[in-house]
Amino acid sequence: MLNKIPFTLFGNDDEIYFNNARIMQLEKAMDKSVITLIKEPLSLSFVMIGLQIGLMHTYKPSKVAEHINRLFDEDDINLVDLAKPLAAAIVATGILGADLRDETIKNAVRTEKAKPSEASKNG
């Protein structure tokens, strides 16, 4: 079962997810284990590559890079904002344990339901 995490930072109702193949792809791209990546200080490389892999079912890597550049240029967003759904999607795989996975999924759904919709903001 894929545990998808809501991802709305690009302005759409997208979802980000990882499975074993995507985790291995991230590890290979970063040349580090996912456990090491989560424990290390945050880097733009981790966020960019992680989002490109986690959103590959929706966006080409170049589109992810364009969206991130636009967000940094136009919006009040930072690296941590981008990393939160990425980290949640990795944890949602269960690689760090079922209890943490279940809590992360529950919090991601609760957070997404609490957000005002774009329609009501622009409305």
Protein backbone atom coordinates (compact mmCIF):
# COMPACT_ATOMS: atom_id res chain seq x y z
CA MET A 1 0.00 0.00 0.00
CA LEU A 2 1.30 3.41 -0.96
CA ASN A 3 0.93 6.04 1.71
CA LYS A 4 0.59 9.26 -0.22
CA ILE A 5 1.10 12.60 1.49
CA PRO A 6 -0.75 15.72 0.30
CA PHE A 7 1.54 18.14 -1.53
CA THR A 8 0.03 21.51 -2.44
CA LEU A 9 3.09 23.77 -2.49
CA PHE A 10 3.12 23.92 -6.31
CA GLY A 11 -0.46 25.22 -6.34
CA ASN A 12 -2.16 21.93 -7.21
CA ASP A 13 -3.70 19.14 -5.16
CA ASP A 14 -0.78 16.78 -5.71
CA GLU A 15 0.46 13.89 -3.63
CA ILE A 16 4.00 12.84 -2.89
CA TYR A 17 5.00 9.28 -2.10
CA PHE A 18 7.89 6.90 -1.84
CA ASN A 19 8.10 3.15 -2.15
CA ASN A 20 11.16 0.89 -1.89
CA ALA A 21 12.21 1.57 -5.47
CA ARG A 22 11.99 5.34 -4.97
CA ILE A 23 13.86 5.14 -1.67
CA MET A 24 16.65 3.21 -3.40
CA GLN A 25 16.68 5.77 -6.23
CA LEU A 26 17.05 8.60 -3.69
CA GLU A 27 19.84 6.76 -1.87
CA LYS A 28 21.68 6.15 -5.13
CA ALA A 29 21.30 9.75 -6.27
CA MET A 30 22.54 11.11 -2.94
CA ASP A 31 25.08 8.32 -2.35
CA LYS A 32 23.81 7.95 1.24
CA SER A 33 21.27 5.84 3.08
CA VAL A 34 17.87 7.39 3.65
CA ILE A 35 18.46 7.15 7.41
CA THR A 36 21.63 9.25 7.03
CA LEU A 37 19.81 11.75 4.81
CA ILE A 38 17.08 12.27 7.39
CA LYS A 39 19.58 12.78 10.21
CA GLU A 40 21.85 15.20 8.33
CA PRO A 41 21.37 18.96 8.14
CA LEU A 42 18.94 19.93 5.41
CA SER A 43 20.36 20.62 1.95
CA LEU A 44 18.93 21.96 -1.28
CA SER A 45 20.26 18.86 -3.08
CA PHE A 46 18.28 16.54 -0.80
CA VAL A 47 15.09 18.58 -1.19
CA MET A 48 15.41 19.02 -4.96
CA ILE A 49 16.28 15.40 -5.71
CA GLY A 50 13.84 14.08 -3.14
CA LEU A 51 10.93 16.08 -4.56
CA GLN A 52 11.88 15.11 -8.10
CA ILE A 53 11.73 11.44 -7.14
CA GLY A 54 8.71 11.68 -4.83
CA LEU A 55 6.67 13.61 -7.40
CA MET A 56 7.90 11.77 -10.51
CA HIS A 57 4.41 10.38 -11.17
CA THR A 58 3.20 13.96 -11.72
CA TYR A 59 6.15 16.17 -12.72
CA LYS A 60 9.29 15.88 -14.81
CA PRO A 61 12.44 16.74 -12.84
CA SER A 62 12.88 20.00 -14.76
CA LYS A 63 9.33 21.06 -13.81
CA VAL A 64 10.02 20.40 -10.12
CA ALA A 65 13.13 22.59 -10.37
CA GLU A 66 11.11 25.33 -12.09
CA HIS A 67 8.44 25.24 -9.39
CA ILE A 68 11.03 25.38 -6.60
CA ASN A 69 12.82 28.31 -8.24
CA ARG A 70 9.50 30.14 -8.67
CA LEU A 71 8.56 29.53 -5.03
CA PHE A 72 11.87 30.90 -3.80
CA ASP A 73 11.56 33.93 -6.08
CA GLU A 74 7.90 34.79 -5.58
CA ASP A 75 6.61 33.31 -2.34
CA ASP A 76 7.46 33.45 1.31
CA ILE A 77 8.72 29.87 1.39
CA ASN A 78 11.96 28.31 2.54
CA LEU A 79 13.79 25.01 2.34
CA VAL A 80 12.17 23.69 5.52
CA ASP A 81 8.68 24.28 4.07
CA LEU A 82 9.61 22.16 1.06
CA ALA A 83 11.28 19.49 3.16
CA LYS A 84 8.31 18.81 5.46
CA PRO A 85 6.13 16.91 2.97
CA LEU A 86 9.22 15.20 1.57
CA ALA A 87 10.24 13.91 4.99
CA ALA A 88 6.65 12.92 5.76
CA ALA A 89 6.46 10.89 2.54
CA ILE A 90 9.68 9.06 3.41
CA VAL A 91 8.49 8.33 6.94
CA ALA A 92 5.11 7.22 5.55
CA THR A 93 6.83 4.27 3.85
CA GLY A 94 7.34 2.72 7.27
CA ILE A 95 11.12 2.62 6.88
CA LEU A 96 11.48 4.24 10.33
CA GLY A 97 8.84 2.04 11.96
CA ALA A 98 5.10 1.54 11.86
CA ASP A 99 4.26 3.79 14.82
CA LEU A 100 6.04 6.79 13.32
CA ARG A 101 4.54 5.99 9.91
CA ASP A 102 0.99 5.88 11.26
CA GLU A 103 1.39 9.10 13.25
CA THR A 104 2.91 10.90 10.24
CA ILE A 105 0.10 9.85 7.93
CA LYS A 106 -2.54 10.88 10.48
CA ASN A 107 -0.89 14.30 10.96
CA ALA A 108 -0.48 14.88 7.22
CA VAL A 109 -4.16 14.21 6.59
CA ARG A 110 -5.21 16.36 9.56
CA THR A 111 -2.97 19.25 8.41
CA GLU A 112 -4.26 19.08 4.84
CA LYS A 113 -7.90 19.10 5.97
CA ALA A 114 -7.24 22.14 8.16
CA LYS A 115 -5.84 24.25 5.30
CA PRO A 116 -8.20 26.71 3.63
CA SER A 117 -8.72 25.85 -0.02
CA GLU A 118 -7.33 28.06 -2.77
CA ALA A 119 -10.89 28.76 -3.90
CA SER A 120 -11.85 30.21 -0.52
CA LYS A 121 -8.65 32.29 -0.41
CA ASN A 122 -9.25 33.73 -3.86
CA GLY A 123 -12.92 33.73 -3.59
